[in-house]
Amino acid sequence: MGVLIKNETTGEMTIPTVFKSDEGFYKCKSGQGESPESWVTVRVPPGSIVSISLPRLLCGLLVMSPFLLVSIVLTVKCCRARGLCSTFKSPQDQIRCDDVVEQNESSV
């Protein structure tokens, strides 16, 4: 159970940012005593679903783009260095490559 300490003299209290997890029993304490607990329900009004703003989306893309680009380039370089990328080789080149390896092994 959390504690929210806020002083209001108007008889009303506004909590600016709430989450569904903030639902629960609340009570007020004052110099004249303590109120009974009241259940507070958090509802999201229709149409107020949180959407990502354009600046936030652009910032995320700006941050992630270099990371993704470097990851792709390093993956391709690593793949080519290990000889795992044969997308640029025709099947005949692959066979010739295998034949050369077999010939070298048999001549040793």
PDB file of N, CA and C in Angstrom:
ATOM      1  N   MET A   1       0.842  -1.171   0.000  1.00  0.00           N
ATOM      2  CA  MET A   1       0.000   0.000   0.000  1.00  0.00           C
ATOM      3  C   MET A   1       0.888   1.235   0.000  1.00  0.00           C
ATOM      4  N   GLY A   2       0.639   2.117  -0.958  1.00  0.00           N
ATOM      5  CA  GLY A   2       1.434   3.322  -1.066  1.00  0.00           C
ATOM      6  C   GLY A   2       0.846   4.453  -0.262  1.00  0.00           C
ATOM      7  N   VAL A   3       1.599   5.496  -0.158  1.00  0.00           N
ATOM      8  CA  VAL A   3       1.151   6.669   0.587  1.00  0.00           C
ATOM      9  C   VAL A   3       1.293   7.879  -0.329  1.00  0.00           C
ATOM     10  N   LEU A   4       0.215   8.640  -0.443  1.00  0.00           N
ATOM     11  CA  LEU A   4       0.250   9.888  -1.193  1.00  0.00           C
ATOM     12  C   LEU A   4       0.003  11.010  -0.199  1.00  0.00           C
ATOM     13  N   ILE A   5       0.972  11.862  -0.050  1.00  0.00           N
ATOM     14  CA  ILE A   5       0.823  12.978   0.881  1.00  0.00           C
ATOM     15  C   ILE A   5       0.681  14.238   0.046  1.00  0.00           C
ATOM     16  N   LYS A   6      -0.470  14.878   0.199  1.00  0.00           N
ATOM     17  CA  LYS A   6      -0.733  16.085  -0.564  1.00  0.00           C
ATOM     18  C   LYS A   6      -1.652  16.971   0.261  1.00  0.00           C
ATOM     19  N   ASN A   7      -1.379  18.230   0.308  1.00  0.00           N
ATOM     20  CA  ASN A   7      -2.209  19.170   1.066  1.00  0.00           C
ATOM     21  C   ASN A   7      -3.133  19.921   0.118  1.00  0.00           C
ATOM     22  N   GLU A   8      -4.417  19.792   0.335  1.00  0.00           N
ATOM     23  CA  GLU A   8      -5.416  20.522  -0.445  1.00  0.00           C
ATOM     24  C   GLU A   8      -6.397  21.153   0.531  1.00  0.00           C
ATOM     25  N   THR A   9      -6.751  22.376   0.283  1.00  0.00           N
ATOM     26  CA  THR A   9      -7.716  23.049   1.158  1.00  0.00           C
ATOM     27  C   THR A   9      -9.070  23.222   0.481  1.00  0.00           C
ATOM     28  N   THR A  10      -9.177  22.816  -0.768  1.00  0.00           N
ATOM     29  CA  THR A  10     -10.419  23.036  -1.515  1.00  0.00           C
ATOM     30  C   THR A  10     -11.422  21.906  -1.342  1.00  0.00           C
ATOM     31  N   GLY A  11     -11.028  20.822  -0.755  1.00  0.00           N
ATOM     32  CA  GLY A  11     -11.909  19.663  -0.654  1.00  0.00           C
ATOM     33  C   GLY A  11     -11.817  18.757  -1.865  1.00  0.00           C
ATOM     34  N   GLU A  12     -10.996  19.134  -2.824  1.00  0.00           N
ATOM     35  CA  GLU A  12     -10.771  18.309  -4.011  1.00  0.00           C
ATOM     36  C   GLU A  12      -9.281  18.073  -4.160  1.00  0.00           C
ATOM     37  N   MET A  13      -8.953  16.943  -4.746  1.00  0.00           N
ATOM     38  CA  MET A  13      -7.551  16.643  -4.986  1.00  0.00           C
ATOM     39  C   MET A  13      -7.422  16.052  -6.378  1.00  0.00           C
ATOM     40  N   THR A  14      -6.510  16.583  -7.150  1.00  0.00           N
ATOM     41  CA  THR A  14      -6.249  16.076  -8.490  1.00  0.00           C
ATOM     42  C   THR A  14      -4.870  15.447  -8.501  1.00  0.00           C
ATOM     43  N   ILE A  15      -4.826  14.217  -8.955  1.00  0.00           N
ATOM     44  CA  ILE A  15      -3.544  13.527  -9.123  1.00  0.00           C
ATOM     45  C   ILE A  15      -3.267  13.555 -10.622  1.00  0.00           C
ATOM     46  N   PRO A  16      -2.245  14.301 -11.063  1.00  0.00           N
ATOM     47  CA  PRO A  16      -2.067  14.530 -12.496  1.00  0.00           C
ATOM     48  C   PRO A  16      -1.718  13.287 -13.315  1.00  0.00           C
ATOM     49  N   THR A  17      -0.896  12.431 -12.811  1.00  0.00           N
ATOM     50  CA  THR A  17      -0.487  11.258 -13.574  1.00  0.00           C
ATOM     51  C   THR A  17      -0.802  10.019 -12.764  1.00  0.00           C
ATOM     52  N   VAL A  18      -1.708   9.207 -13.275  1.00  0.00           N
ATOM     53  CA  VAL A  18      -2.073   7.977 -12.578  1.00  0.00           C
ATOM     54  C   VAL A  18      -1.976   6.807 -13.537  1.00  0.00           C
ATOM     55  N   PHE A  19      -1.857   5.633 -12.976  1.00  0.00           N
ATOM     56  CA  PHE A  19      -1.795   4.400 -13.743  1.00  0.00           C
ATOM     57  C   PHE A  19      -2.846   3.445 -13.199  1.00  0.00           C
ATOM     58  N   LYS A  20      -3.142   2.430 -13.964  1.00  0.00           N
ATOM     59  CA  LYS A  20      -4.119   1.431 -13.530  1.00  0.00           C
ATOM     60  C   LYS A  20      -3.678   0.818 -12.199  1.00  0.00           C
ATOM     61  N   SER A  21      -2.391   0.706 -11.987  1.00  0.00           N
ATOM     62  CA  SER A  21      -1.880   0.124 -10.739  1.00  0.00           C
ATOM     63  C   SER A  21      -2.121   1.028  -9.529  1.00  0.00           C
ATOM     64  N   ASP A  22      -2.532   2.279  -9.754  1.00  0.00           N
ATOM     65  CA  ASP A  22      -2.825   3.195  -8.649  1.00  0.00           C
ATOM     66  C   ASP A  22      -4.220   2.991  -8.075  1.00  0.00           C
ATOM     67  N   GLU A  23      -5.002   2.100  -8.680  1.00  0.00           N
ATOM     68  CA  GLU A  23      -6.336   1.828  -8.143  1.00  0.00           C
ATOM     69  C   GLU A  23      -6.218   1.268  -6.738  1.00  0.00           C
ATOM     70  N   GLY A  24      -7.183   1.587  -5.911  1.00  0.00           N
ATOM     71  CA  GLY A  24      -7.175   1.028  -4.566  1.00  0.00           C
ATOM     72  C   GLY A  24      -7.924   1.907  -3.590  1.00  0.00           C
ATOM     73  N   PHE A  25      -7.764   1.585  -2.333  1.00  0.00           N
ATOM     74  CA  PHE A  25      -8.430   2.340  -1.276  1.00  0.00           C
ATOM     75  C   PHE A  25      -7.585   3.542  -0.883  1.00  0.00           C
ATOM     76  N   TYR A  26      -8.250   4.669  -0.748  1.00  0.00           N
ATOM     77  CA  TYR A  26      -7.604   5.905  -0.310  1.00  0.00           C
ATOM     78  C   TYR A  26      -8.425   6.499   0.833  1.00  0.00           C
ATOM     79  N   LYS A  27      -7.749   7.226   1.701  1.00  0.00           N
ATOM     80  CA  LYS A  27      -8.455   7.928   2.777  1.00  0.00           C
ATOM     81  C   LYS A  27      -7.752   9.253   3.030  1.00  0.00           C
ATOM     82  N   CYS A  28      -8.464  10.136   3.647  1.00  0.00           N
ATOM     83  CA  CYS A  28      -7.916  11.458   3.953  1.00  0.00           C
ATOM     84  C   CYS A  28      -7.764  11.613   5.457  1.00  0.00           C
ATOM     85  N   LYS A  29      -6.699  12.289   5.824  1.00  0.00           N
ATOM     86  CA  LYS A  29      -6.487  12.623   7.235  1.00  0.00           C
ATOM     87  C   LYS A  29      -6.408  14.135   7.338  1.00  0.00           C
ATOM     88  N   SER A  30      -7.047  14.661   8.338  1.00  0.00           N
ATOM     89  CA  SER A  30      -6.972  16.108   8.570  1.00  0.00           C
ATOM     90  C   SER A  30      -6.911  16.349  10.071  1.00  0.00           C
ATOM     91  N   GLY A  31      -6.845  17.599  10.432  1.00  0.00           N
ATOM     92  CA  GLY A  31      -6.822  17.958  11.846  1.00  0.00           C
ATOM     93  C   GLY A  31      -8.112  17.565  12.556  1.00  0.00           C
ATOM     94  N   GLN A  32      -9.160  17.321  11.787  1.00  0.00           N
ATOM     95  CA  GLN A  32     -10.444  16.956  12.380  1.00  0.00           C
ATOM     96  C   GLN A  32     -10.691  15.457  12.351  1.00  0.00           C
ATOM     97  N   GLY A  33      -9.707  14.702  11.928  1.00  0.00           N
ATOM     98  CA  GLY A  33      -9.873  13.249  11.934  1.00  0.00           C
ATOM     99  C   GLY A  33      -9.513  12.609  10.606  1.00  0.00           C
ATOM    100  N   GLU A  34     -10.015  11.412  10.453  1.00  0.00           N
ATOM    101  CA  GLU A  34      -9.676  10.597   9.289  1.00  0.00           C
ATOM    102  C   GLU A  34     -10.970  10.168   8.603  1.00  0.00           C
ATOM    103  N   SER A  35     -10.970  10.227   7.271  1.00  0.00           N
ATOM    104  CA  SER A  35     -12.163   9.819   6.522  1.00  0.00           C
ATOM    105  C   SER A  35     -12.175   8.304   6.366  1.00  0.00           C
ATOM    106  N   PRO A  36     -13.349   7.744   6.083  1.00  0.00           N
ATOM    107  CA  PRO A  36     -13.374   6.323   5.760  1.00  0.00           C
ATOM    108  C   PRO A  36     -12.655   6.094   4.431  1.00  0.00           C
ATOM    109  N   GLU A  37     -12.167   4.870   4.234  1.00  0.00           N
ATOM    110  CA  GLU A  37     -11.482   4.545   2.982  1.00  0.00           C
ATOM    111  C   GLU A  37     -12.479   4.548   1.832  1.00  0.00           C
ATOM    112  N   SER A  38     -12.044   5.048   0.708  1.00  0.00           N
ATOM    113  CA  SER A  38     -12.850   5.050  -0.513  1.00  0.00           C
ATOM    114  C   SER A  38     -12.046   4.396  -1.621  1.00  0.00           C
ATOM    115  N   TRP A  39     -12.732   3.596  -2.435  1.00  0.00           N
ATOM    116  CA  TRP A  39     -12.080   2.927  -3.562  1.00  0.00           C
ATOM    117  C   TRP A  39     -11.953   3.914  -4.717  1.00  0.00           C
ATOM    118  N   VAL A  40     -10.769   4.024  -5.266  1.00  0.00           N
ATOM    119  CA  VAL A  40     -10.523   4.895  -6.413  1.00  0.00           C
ATOM    120  C   VAL A  40     -10.245   4.015  -7.621  1.00  0.00           C
ATOM    121  N   THR A  41     -11.038   4.227  -8.672  1.00  0.00           N
ATOM    122  CA  THR A  41     -10.886   3.477  -9.918  1.00  0.00           C
ATOM    123  C   THR A  41     -10.226   4.372 -10.958  1.00  0.00           C
ATOM    124  N   VAL A  42      -9.298   3.811 -11.702  1.00  0.00           N
ATOM    125  CA  VAL A  42      -8.629   4.553 -12.774  1.00  0.00           C
ATOM    126  C   VAL A  42      -9.204   4.068 -14.095  1.00  0.00           C
ATOM    127  N   ARG A  43      -9.736   4.998 -14.877  1.00  0.00           N
ATOM    128  CA  ARG A  43     -10.289   4.671 -16.190  1.00  0.00           C
ATOM    129  C   ARG A  43      -9.587   5.485 -17.259  1.00  0.00           C
ATOM    130  N   VAL A  44      -9.405   4.857 -18.415  1.00  0.00           N
ATOM    131  CA  VAL A  44      -8.821   5.552 -19.557  1.00  0.00           C
ATOM    132  C   VAL A  44      -9.971   5.976 -20.459  1.00  0.00           C
ATOM    133  N   PRO A  45     -10.152   7.276 -20.665  1.00  0.00           N
ATOM    134  CA  PRO A  45     -11.236   7.722 -21.538  1.00  0.00           C
ATOM    135  C   PRO A  45     -11.027   7.224 -22.969  1.00  0.00           C
ATOM    136  N   PRO A  46     -12.118   6.922 -23.683  1.00  0.00           N
ATOM    137  CA  PRO A  46     -11.983   6.476 -25.075  1.00  0.00           C
ATOM    138  C   PRO A  46     -11.253   7.524 -25.905  1.00  0.00           C
ATOM    139  N   GLY A  47     -10.407   7.054 -26.776  1.00  0.00           N
ATOM    140  CA  GLY A  47      -9.670   7.961 -27.646  1.00  0.00           C
ATOM    141  C   GLY A  47      -8.433   8.562 -27.020  1.00  0.00           C
ATOM    142  N   SER A  48      -8.160   8.236 -25.778  1.00  0.00           N
ATOM    143  CA  SER A  48      -6.971   8.806 -25.145  1.00  0.00           C
ATOM    144  C   SER A  48      -5.877   7.761 -24.989  1.00  0.00           C
ATOM    145  N   ILE A  49      -5.886   6.789 -25.876  1.00  0.00           N
ATOM    146  CA  ILE A  49      -4.834   5.777 -25.854  1.00  0.00           C
ATOM    147  C   ILE A  49      -3.512   6.476 -26.148  1.00  0.00           C
ATOM    148  N   VAL A  50      -2.516   6.139 -25.390  1.00  0.00           N
ATOM    149  CA  VAL A  50      -1.225   6.796 -25.522  1.00  0.00           C
ATOM    150  C   VAL A  50      -0.648   6.486 -26.897  1.00  0.00           C
ATOM    151  N   SER A  51      -0.329   7.525 -27.618  1.00  0.00           N
ATOM    152  CA  SER A  51       0.299   7.346 -28.918  1.00  0.00           C
ATOM    153  C   SER A  51       1.670   8.001 -28.881  1.00  0.00           C
ATOM    154  N   ILE A  52       2.543   7.491 -29.713  1.00  0.00           N
ATOM    155  CA  ILE A  52       3.896   8.026 -29.759  1.00  0.00           C
ATOM    156  C   ILE A  52       3.871   9.293 -30.604  1.00  0.00           C
ATOM    157  N   SER A  53       4.396  10.357 -30.068  1.00  0.00           N
ATOM    158  CA  SER A  53       4.436  11.612 -30.813  1.00  0.00           C
ATOM    159  C   SER A  53       5.494  11.520 -31.907  1.00  0.00           C
ATOM    160  N   LEU A  54       5.336  12.325 -32.923  1.00  0.00           N
ATOM    161  CA  LEU A  54       6.264  12.321 -34.047  1.00  0.00           C
ATOM    162  C   LEU A  54       7.699  12.622 -33.613  1.00  0.00           C
ATOM    163  N   PRO A  55       7.940  13.634 -32.779  1.00  0.00           N
ATOM    164  CA  PRO A  55       9.331  13.873 -32.350  1.00  0.00           C
ATOM    165  C   PRO A  55       9.933  12.682 -31.604  1.00  0.00           C
ATOM    166  N   ARG A  56       9.130  12.026 -30.771  1.00  0.00           N
ATOM    167  CA  ARG A  56       9.638  10.870 -30.027  1.00  0.00           C
ATOM    168  C   ARG A  56       9.947   9.716 -30.983  1.00  0.00           C
ATOM    169  N   LEU A  57       9.096   9.511 -31.988  1.00  0.00           N
ATOM    170  CA  LEU A  57       9.315   8.466 -32.982  1.00  0.00           C
ATOM    171  C   LEU A  57      10.581   8.747 -33.779  1.00  0.00           C
ATOM    172  N   LEU A  58      10.748   9.989 -34.225  1.00  0.00           N
ATOM    173  CA  LEU A  58      11.943  10.353 -34.984  1.00  0.00           C
ATOM    174  C   LEU A  58      13.204  10.204 -34.141  1.00  0.00           C
ATOM    175  N   CYS A  59      13.129  10.566 -32.882  1.00  0.00           N
ATOM    176  CA  CYS A  59      14.278  10.424 -31.984  1.00  0.00           C
ATOM    177  C   CYS A  59      14.656   8.952 -31.839  1.00  0.00           C
ATOM    178  N   GLY A  60      13.659   8.093 -31.668  1.00  0.00           N
ATOM    179  CA  GLY A  60      13.918   6.663 -31.554  1.00  0.00           C
ATOM    180  C   GLY A  60      14.554   6.100 -32.813  1.00  0.00           C
ATOM    181  N   LEU A  61      14.031   6.512 -33.963  1.00  0.00           N
ATOM    182  CA  LEU A  61      14.604   6.051 -35.230  1.00  0.00           C
ATOM    183  C   LEU A  61      16.028   6.555 -35.404  1.00  0.00           C
ATOM    184  N   LEU A  62      16.264   7.798 -35.010  1.00  0.00           N
ATOM    185  CA  LEU A  62      17.590   8.382 -35.129  1.00  0.00           C
ATOM    186  C   LEU A  62      18.602   7.639 -34.258  1.00  0.00           C
ATOM    187  N   VAL A  63      18.179   7.223 -33.091  1.00  0.00           N
ATOM    188  CA  VAL A  63      19.064   6.503 -32.176  1.00  0.00           C
ATOM    189  C   VAL A  63      19.289   5.071 -32.655  1.00  0.00           C
ATOM    190  N   MET A  64      18.241   4.406 -33.124  1.00  0.00           N
ATOM    191  CA  MET A  64      18.338   2.993 -33.492  1.00  0.00           C
ATOM    192  C   MET A  64      18.959   2.758 -34.866  1.00  0.00           C
ATOM    193  N   SER A  65      18.820   3.700 -35.796  1.00  0.00           N
ATOM    194  CA  SER A  65      19.309   3.498 -37.161  1.00  0.00           C
ATOM    195  C   SER A  65      20.805   3.198 -37.231  1.00  0.00           C
ATOM    196  N   PRO A  66      21.666   3.988 -36.595  1.00  0.00           N
ATOM    197  CA  PRO A  66      23.098   3.655 -36.665  1.00  0.00           C
ATOM    198  C   PRO A  66      23.401   2.281 -36.071  1.00  0.00           C
ATOM    199  N   PHE A  67      22.751   1.938 -34.982  1.00  0.00           N
ATOM    200  CA  PHE A  67      22.972   0.629 -34.363  1.00  0.00           C
ATOM    201  C   PHE A  67      22.594  -0.492 -35.327  1.00  0.00           C
ATOM    202  N   LEU A  68      21.426  -0.382 -35.955  1.00  0.00           N
ATOM    203  CA  LEU A  68      20.987  -1.411 -36.892  1.00  0.00           C
ATOM    204  C   LEU A  68      21.901  -1.481 -38.105  1.00  0.00           C
ATOM    205  N   LEU A  69      22.302  -0.334 -38.631  1.00  0.00           N
ATOM    206  CA  LEU A  69      23.174  -0.307 -39.798  1.00  0.00           C
ATOM    207  C   LEU A  69      24.519  -0.966 -39.492  1.00  0.00           C
ATOM    208  N   VAL A  70      25.122  -0.613 -38.373  1.00  0.00           N
ATOM    209  CA  VAL A  70      26.409  -1.207 -37.987  1.00  0.00           C
ATOM    210  C   VAL A  70      26.254  -2.707 -37.759  1.00  0.00           C
ATOM    211  N   SER A  71      25.168  -3.128 -37.135  1.00  0.00           N
ATOM    212  CA  SER A  71      24.936  -4.558 -36.896  1.00  0.00           C
ATOM    213  C   SER A  71      24.823  -5.325 -38.202  1.00  0.00           C
ATOM    214  N   ILE A  72      24.107  -4.777 -39.159  1.00  0.00           N
ATOM    215  CA  ILE A  72      23.949  -5.453 -40.453  1.00  0.00           C
ATOM    216  C   ILE A  72      25.281  -5.528 -41.181  1.00  0.00           C
ATOM    217  N   VAL A  73      26.026  -4.428 -41.207  1.00  0.00           N
ATOM    218  CA  VAL A  73      27.324  -4.417 -41.893  1.00  0.00           C
ATOM    219  C   VAL A  73      28.278  -5.416 -41.252  1.00  0.00           C
ATOM    220  N   LEU A  74      28.354  -5.441 -39.929  1.00  0.00           N
ATOM    221  CA  LEU A  74      29.251  -6.384 -39.249  1.00  0.00           C
ATOM    222  C   LEU A  74      28.826  -7.830 -39.471  1.00  0.00           C
ATOM    223  N   THR A  75      27.541  -8.093 -39.502  1.00  0.00           N
ATOM    224  CA  THR A  75      27.057  -9.451 -39.743  1.00  0.00           C
ATOM    225  C   THR A  75      27.441  -9.910 -41.141  1.00  0.00           C
ATOM    226  N   VAL A  76      27.274  -9.054 -42.135  1.00  0.00           N
ATOM    227  CA  VAL A  76      27.632  -9.415 -43.513  1.00  0.00           C
ATOM    228  C   VAL A  76      29.134  -9.622 -43.629  1.00  0.00           C
ATOM    229  N   LYS A  77      29.937  -8.729 -43.026  1.00  0.00           N
ATOM    230  CA  LYS A  77      31.398  -8.884 -43.093  1.00  0.00           C
ATOM    231  C   LYS A  77      31.846 -10.181 -42.424  1.00  0.00           C
ATOM    232  N   CYS A  78      31.284 -10.482 -41.272  1.00  0.00           N
ATOM    233  CA  CYS A  78      31.633 -11.706 -40.553  1.00  0.00           C
ATOM    234  C   CYS A  78      31.237 -12.929 -41.367  1.00  0.00           C
ATOM    235  N   CYS A  79      30.073 -12.871 -41.959  1.00  0.00           N
ATOM    236  CA  CYS A  79      29.574 -13.977 -42.766  1.00  0.00           C
ATOM    237  C   CYS A  79      30.487 -14.212 -43.962  1.00  0.00           C
ATOM    238  N   ARG A  80      30.885 -13.140 -44.630  1.00  0.00           N
ATOM    239  CA  ARG A  80      31.768 -13.281 -45.800  1.00  0.00           C
ATOM    240  C   ARG A  80      33.153 -13.771 -45.387  1.00  0.00           C
ATOM    241  N   ALA A  81      33.647 -13.302 -44.248  1.00  0.00           N
ATOM    242  CA  ALA A  81      34.971 -13.714 -43.786  1.00  0.00           C
ATOM    243  C   ALA A  81      35.006 -15.203 -43.474  1.00  0.00           C
ATOM    244  N   ARG A  82      33.907 -15.741 -43.000  1.00  0.00           N
ATOM    245  CA  ARG A  82      33.839 -17.168 -42.688  1.00  0.00           C
ATOM    246  C   ARG A  82      33.441 -18.002 -43.897  1.00  0.00           C
ATOM    247  N   GLY A  83      33.100 -17.345 -44.992  1.00  0.00           N
ATOM    248  CA  GLY A  83      32.707 -18.065 -46.192  1.00  0.00           C
ATOM    249  C   GLY A  83      31.300 -18.622 -46.121  1.00  0.00           C
ATOM    250  N   LEU A  84      30.489 -18.075 -45.266  1.00  0.00           N
ATOM    251  CA  LEU A  84      29.131 -18.577 -45.118  1.00  0.00           C
ATOM    252  C   LEU A  84      28.173 -17.927 -46.097  1.00  0.00           C
ATOM    253  N   CYS A  85      28.558 -16.795 -46.667  1.00  0.00           N
ATOM    254  CA  CYS A  85      27.683 -16.104 -47.611  1.00  0.00           C
ATOM    255  C   CYS A  85      28.031 -16.555 -49.019  1.00  0.00           C
ATOM    256  N   SER A  86      27.241 -17.417 -49.559  1.00  0.00           N
ATOM    257  CA  SER A  86      27.482 -17.890 -50.921  1.00  0.00           C
ATOM    258  C   SER A  86      26.404 -17.368 -51.855  1.00  0.00           C
ATOM    259  N   THR A  87      25.775 -16.283 -51.491  1.00  0.00           N
ATOM    260  CA  THR A  87      24.690 -15.755 -52.316  1.00  0.00           C
ATOM    261  C   THR A  87      25.214 -15.180 -53.620  1.00  0.00           C
ATOM    262  N   PHE A  88      26.501 -14.799 -53.673  1.00  0.00           N
ATOM    263  CA  PHE A  88      27.054 -14.232 -54.892  1.00  0.00           C
ATOM    264  C   PHE A  88      27.739 -15.295 -55.746  1.00  0.00           C
ATOM    265  N   LYS A  89      27.763 -16.516 -55.293  1.00  0.00           N
ATOM    266  CA  LYS A  89      28.400 -17.600 -56.036  1.00  0.00           C
ATOM    267  C   LYS A  89      27.338 -18.421 -56.746  1.00  0.00           C
ATOM    268  N   SER A  90      27.651 -18.832 -57.946  1.00  0.00           N
ATOM    269  CA  SER A  90      26.740 -19.721 -58.662  1.00  0.00           C
ATOM    270  C   SER A  90      26.980 -21.144 -58.169  1.00  0.00           C
ATOM    271  N   PRO A  91      26.049 -22.057 -58.397  1.00  0.00           N
ATOM    272  CA  PRO A  91      26.259 -23.452 -57.972  1.00  0.00           C
ATOM    273  C   PRO A  91      27.519 -24.066 -58.585  1.00  0.00           C
ATOM    274  N   GLN A  92      27.870 -23.671 -59.832  1.00  0.00           N
ATOM    275  CA  GLN A  92      29.082 -24.211 -60.460  1.00  0.00           C
ATOM    276  C   GLN A  92      30.332 -23.752 -59.715  1.00  0.00           C
ATOM    277  N   ASP A  93      30.351 -22.487 -59.298  1.00  0.00           N
ATOM    278  CA  ASP A  93      31.494 -21.981 -58.535  1.00  0.00           C
ATOM    279  C   ASP A  93      31.626 -22.718 -57.209  1.00  0.00           C
ATOM    280  N   GLN A  94      30.520 -23.036 -56.593  1.00  0.00           N
ATOM    281  CA  GLN A  94      30.540 -23.746 -55.322  1.00  0.00           C
ATOM    282  C   GLN A  94      31.125 -25.143 -55.520  1.00  0.00           C
ATOM    283  N   ILE A  95      30.742 -25.809 -56.599  1.00  0.00           N
ATOM    284  CA  ILE A  95      31.266 -27.156 -56.872  1.00  0.00           C
ATOM    285  C   ILE A  95      32.759 -27.079 -57.141  1.00  0.00           C
ATOM    286  N   ARG A  96      33.193 -26.118 -57.954  1.00  0.00           N
ATOM    287  CA  ARG A  96      34.621 -25.969 -58.239  1.00  0.00           C
ATOM    288  C   ARG A  96      35.401 -25.715 -56.949  1.00  0.00           C
ATOM    289  N   CYS A  97      34.836 -24.928 -56.091  1.00  0.00           N
ATOM    290  CA  CYS A  97      35.481 -24.638 -54.813  1.00  0.00           C
ATOM    291  C   CYS A  97      35.643 -25.923 -54.008  1.00  0.00           C
ATOM    292  N   ASP A  98      34.601 -26.750 -53.957  1.00  0.00           N
ATOM    293  CA  ASP A  98      34.659 -28.008 -53.228  1.00  0.00           C
ATOM    294  C   ASP A  98      35.666 -28.961 -53.867  1.00  0.00           C
ATOM    295  N   ASP A  99      35.706 -28.986 -55.210  1.00  0.00           N
ATOM    296  CA  ASP A  99      36.654 -29.860 -55.906  1.00  0.00           C
ATOM    297  C   ASP A  99      38.085 -29.472 -55.579  1.00  0.00           C
ATOM    298  N   VAL A 100      38.365 -28.171 -55.520  1.00  0.00           N
ATOM    299  CA  VAL A 100      39.714 -27.698 -55.215  1.00  0.00           C
ATOM    300  C   VAL A 100      40.103 -28.129 -53.809  1.00  0.00           C
ATOM    301  N   VAL A 101      39.197 -28.036 -52.876  1.00  0.00           N
ATOM    302  CA  VAL A 101      39.488 -28.446 -51.507  1.00  0.00           C
ATOM    303  C   VAL A 101      39.769 -29.936 -51.464  1.00  0.00           C
ATOM    304  N   GLU A 102      38.964 -30.745 -52.170  1.00  0.00           N
ATOM    305  CA  GLU A 102      39.179 -32.198 -52.176  1.00  0.00           C
ATOM    306  C   GLU A 102      40.497 -32.547 -52.846  1.00  0.00           C
ATOM    307  N   GLN A 103      40.850 -31.859 -53.944  1.00  0.00           N
ATOM    308  CA  GLN A 103      42.109 -32.133 -54.630  1.00  0.00           C
ATOM    309  C   GLN A 103      43.287 -31.777 -53.732  1.00  0.00           C
ATOM    310  N   ASN A 104      43.207 -30.667 -53.037  1.00  0.00           N
ATOM    311  CA  ASN A 104      44.293 -30.262 -52.144  1.00  0.00           C
ATOM    312  C   ASN A 104      44.455 -31.254 -51.002  1.00  0.00           C
ATOM    313  N   GLU A 105      43.352 -31.768 -50.471  1.00  0.00           N
ATOM    314  CA  GLU A 105      43.430 -32.723 -49.374  1.00  0.00           C
ATOM    315  C   GLU A 105      44.004 -34.055 -49.853  1.00  0.00           C
ATOM    316  N   SER A 106      43.674 -34.476 -51.076  1.00  0.00           N
ATOM    317  CA  SER A 106      44.171 -35.762 -51.567  1.00  0.00           C
ATOM    318  C   SER A 106      45.634 -35.674 -51.980  1.00  0.00           C
ATOM    319  N   SER A 107      46.108 -34.488 -52.338  1.00  0.00           N
ATOM    320  CA  SER A 107      47.503 -34.355 -52.745  1.00  0.00           C
ATOM    321  C   SER A 107      48.436 -34.235 -51.556  1.00  0.00           C
ATOM    322  N   VAL A 108      47.915 -34.060 -50.365  1.00  0.00           N
ATOM    323  CA  VAL A 108      48.761 -33.899 -49.175  1.00  0.00           C
ATOM    324  C   VAL A 108      49.200 -35.219 -48.656  1.00  0.00           C
TER     325      VAL A 108
END
